[in-house]
């Protein structure tokens, strides 16, 4: 992976930054969430929040399938339930995820 400073990205290397970009994973993940797929898995949700700078947190042994994604830098948190027995996230939860990400300008 290539790393460039902001000045290089703004000038002659901007095409490389957009291809190899520092935010390429964020754009890709954001596009997928905006499509509201029916097969979006919980593992993909974990990767999405990790790319956006969140850490996964479980509240001790009694949390069960409850999970909280926390971003201490931005002071944000999002609570979710790990789906079971299937790992696909339901449509209503996908809408909540999209709403949270757009309201906080993360995608």
Foldseek 3Di string as FASTA:
>chain_A
DDDDDPVCCVPDCVVVCVVVNPCVVQVVLLVVLVVLDQQCFPVSVQVNLVSLQWDKDADPPPRQQKIKTARVVVGDIDIDGQDPPDGGDHSVVSVVVNVVCVVVVSD
